[in-house]
């Protein structure tokens, strides 16, 4: 019972929310390369997202993070939940969403990280990804194959 209470507390109050922004027509995913100063997973490729602030929902967090990280205002409600789970390494709940997204890189402004780019589905797993990004992308790509 104690474990469940702790998990529920973490799930609500200590979470990271990220989104797989993907272009379904050209079959690419938008990822960010974290810079060398990143406190977790420096120099690795990952989804856009971040840690929730007090009182935020995971979707509120995503809207804020996407504005900060690529200068894009997206409405709440456009994200599709894909999975959520406890990241035991960091003891933080991880919410992962998906969203079809077709903006060209030139229409975005990088506000955080070293770089960002559209990466083809068939090449993305060759990149130096964070461990959880890799797991989530594998899950996402398997799900797409079933559609």
Protein backbone atom coordinates (compact mmCIF):
# COMPACT_ATOMS: atom_id res chain seq x y z
CA UNK A 1 0.00 0.00 0.00
CA UNK A 2 2.87 2.38 0.84
CA UNK A 3 4.35 1.90 -2.67
CA UNK A 4 1.03 2.81 -4.32
CA UNK A 5 0.74 6.02 -2.29
CA UNK A 6 4.29 7.01 -3.24
CA UNK A 7 3.68 6.22 -6.92
CA UNK A 8 0.49 8.28 -6.96
CA UNK A 9 2.30 11.19 -5.30
CA UNK A 10 5.14 11.00 -7.83
CA UNK A 11 2.69 10.64 -10.73
CA UNK A 12 0.89 13.82 -9.71
CA UNK A 13 3.69 15.98 -8.30
CA UNK A 14 7.02 14.89 -9.76
CA UNK A 15 6.73 14.29 -13.46
CA UNK A 16 8.29 14.84 -16.85
CA UNK A 17 6.09 15.28 -19.92
CA UNK A 18 7.32 14.93 -23.48
CA UNK A 19 5.85 14.64 -26.93
CA UNK A 20 6.76 12.75 -30.06
CA UNK A 21 6.15 15.37 -32.74
CA UNK A 22 5.95 13.50 -36.01
CA UNK A 23 5.15 14.11 -39.64
CA UNK A 24 3.00 11.16 -40.81
CA UNK A 25 3.34 12.07 -44.50
CA UNK A 26 7.14 12.12 -44.77
CA UNK A 27 7.58 9.74 -41.81
CA UNK A 28 9.91 11.83 -39.68
CA UNK A 29 10.10 12.71 -35.99
CA UNK A 30 11.30 16.01 -34.51
CA UNK A 31 14.00 15.60 -31.86
CA UNK A 32 16.20 17.91 -29.83
CA UNK A 33 19.92 17.40 -29.21
CA UNK A 34 20.60 18.26 -25.60
CA UNK A 35 23.63 20.46 -24.99
CA UNK A 36 26.75 19.61 -22.97
CA UNK A 37 25.46 21.58 -19.94
CA UNK A 38 22.25 19.55 -19.61
CA UNK A 39 22.11 18.14 -16.06
CA UNK A 40 20.66 14.84 -17.33
CA UNK A 41 21.64 13.08 -20.58
CA UNK A 42 23.99 15.75 -22.01
CA UNK A 43 24.71 15.57 -25.76
CA UNK A 44 21.93 13.02 -26.33
CA UNK A 45 18.90 13.27 -28.61
CA UNK A 46 15.48 13.38 -26.95
CA UNK A 47 11.88 14.53 -27.30
CA UNK A 48 10.84 18.05 -26.54
CA UNK A 49 9.39 18.30 -23.06
CA UNK A 50 10.36 18.94 -19.49
CA UNK A 51 9.66 18.70 -15.80
CA UNK A 52 6.27 19.79 -14.56
CA UNK A 53 5.99 22.84 -12.34
CA UNK A 54 3.80 23.07 -9.24
CA UNK A 55 0.11 22.88 -10.14
CA UNK A 56 0.70 22.00 -13.81
CA UNK A 57 -0.88 19.10 -15.61
CA UNK A 58 1.30 17.16 -18.06
CA UNK A 59 -0.44 18.89 -20.99
CA UNK A 60 0.08 22.36 -19.41
CA UNK A 61 3.74 21.42 -19.06
CA UNK A 62 3.99 20.45 -22.74
CA UNK A 63 2.40 23.68 -23.94
CA UNK A 64 4.86 25.70 -21.82
CA UNK A 65 7.90 23.60 -22.79
CA UNK A 66 7.19 23.74 -26.54
CA UNK A 67 6.88 27.52 -26.34
CA UNK A 68 10.20 27.74 -24.47
CA UNK A 69 12.08 25.14 -26.51
CA UNK A 70 10.97 25.79 -30.12
CA UNK A 71 8.87 28.96 -29.92
CA UNK A 72 5.61 27.27 -30.91
CA UNK A 73 2.23 27.97 -29.31
CA UNK A 74 0.14 24.81 -29.36
CA UNK A 75 -3.31 24.45 -27.85
CA UNK A 76 -4.01 21.98 -25.09
CA UNK A 77 -6.01 19.02 -26.28
CA UNK A 78 -3.95 18.38 -29.40
CA UNK A 79 -1.74 15.79 -27.75
CA UNK A 80 -2.57 12.07 -27.73
CA UNK A 81 -1.41 10.15 -24.64
CA UNK A 82 0.83 7.26 -25.69
CA UNK A 83 2.15 5.89 -22.41
CA UNK A 84 3.12 6.84 -18.88
CA UNK A 85 5.35 5.07 -16.39
CA UNK A 86 7.76 5.54 -13.51
CA UNK A 87 11.31 6.33 -14.60
CA UNK A 88 12.91 4.42 -11.75
CA UNK A 89 16.40 5.74 -12.51
CA UNK A 90 15.29 9.34 -11.81
CA UNK A 91 12.24 8.50 -9.62
CA UNK A 92 10.06 10.74 -11.74
CA UNK A 93 6.84 9.87 -13.59
CA UNK A 94 7.20 10.02 -17.38
CA UNK A 95 4.21 11.04 -19.53
CA UNK A 96 4.72 10.57 -23.27
CA UNK A 97 2.33 11.97 -25.86
CA UNK A 98 2.24 12.00 -29.65
CA UNK A 99 1.12 14.69 -32.05
CA UNK A 100 1.14 14.94 -35.83
CA UNK A 101 3.16 18.06 -36.61
CA UNK A 102 4.23 19.47 -39.96
CA UNK A 103 6.04 22.74 -39.32
CA UNK A 104 9.28 23.17 -41.21
CA UNK A 105 12.40 23.61 -39.09
CA UNK A 106 12.71 27.18 -40.44
CA UNK A 107 9.36 28.02 -38.79
CA UNK A 108 10.69 27.20 -35.32
CA UNK A 109 13.31 28.84 -33.12
CA UNK A 110 15.47 26.69 -30.86
CA UNK A 111 15.37 28.13 -27.35
CA UNK A 112 17.01 25.27 -25.49
CA UNK A 113 19.57 22.62 -26.38
CA UNK A 114 22.32 22.36 -28.98
CA UNK A 115 20.25 21.50 -32.05
CA UNK A 116 17.01 20.00 -33.32
CA UNK A 117 16.00 18.29 -36.52
CA UNK A 118 13.50 16.18 -38.40
CA UNK A 119 14.78 12.60 -38.46
CA UNK A 120 13.39 9.80 -40.66
CA UNK A 121 11.61 6.98 -38.81
CA UNK A 122 13.96 4.42 -40.36
CA UNK A 123 17.11 6.26 -39.14
CA UNK A 124 16.05 7.60 -35.74
CA UNK A 125 17.13 4.56 -33.70
CA UNK A 126 20.69 5.01 -35.05
CA UNK A 127 21.01 8.34 -33.21
CA UNK A 128 22.58 8.71 -29.76
CA UNK A 129 19.26 8.80 -27.90
CA UNK A 130 18.53 8.95 -24.19
CA UNK A 131 17.58 5.51 -22.86
CA UNK A 132 13.93 6.43 -22.30
CA UNK A 133 13.66 8.23 -25.64
CA UNK A 134 14.84 5.05 -27.34
CA UNK A 135 12.34 2.89 -25.44
CA UNK A 136 9.49 5.28 -26.20
CA UNK A 137 10.42 5.58 -29.89
CA UNK A 138 10.58 1.79 -30.24
CA UNK A 139 7.11 1.60 -28.67
CA UNK A 140 5.83 4.36 -31.00
CA UNK A 141 7.27 2.75 -34.15
CA UNK A 142 5.85 -0.68 -33.24
CA UNK A 143 2.46 0.95 -32.72
CA UNK A 144 2.66 2.60 -36.16
CA UNK A 145 3.45 -0.71 -37.83
CA UNK A 146 0.17 -2.12 -36.51
CA UNK A 147 -1.92 0.67 -38.03
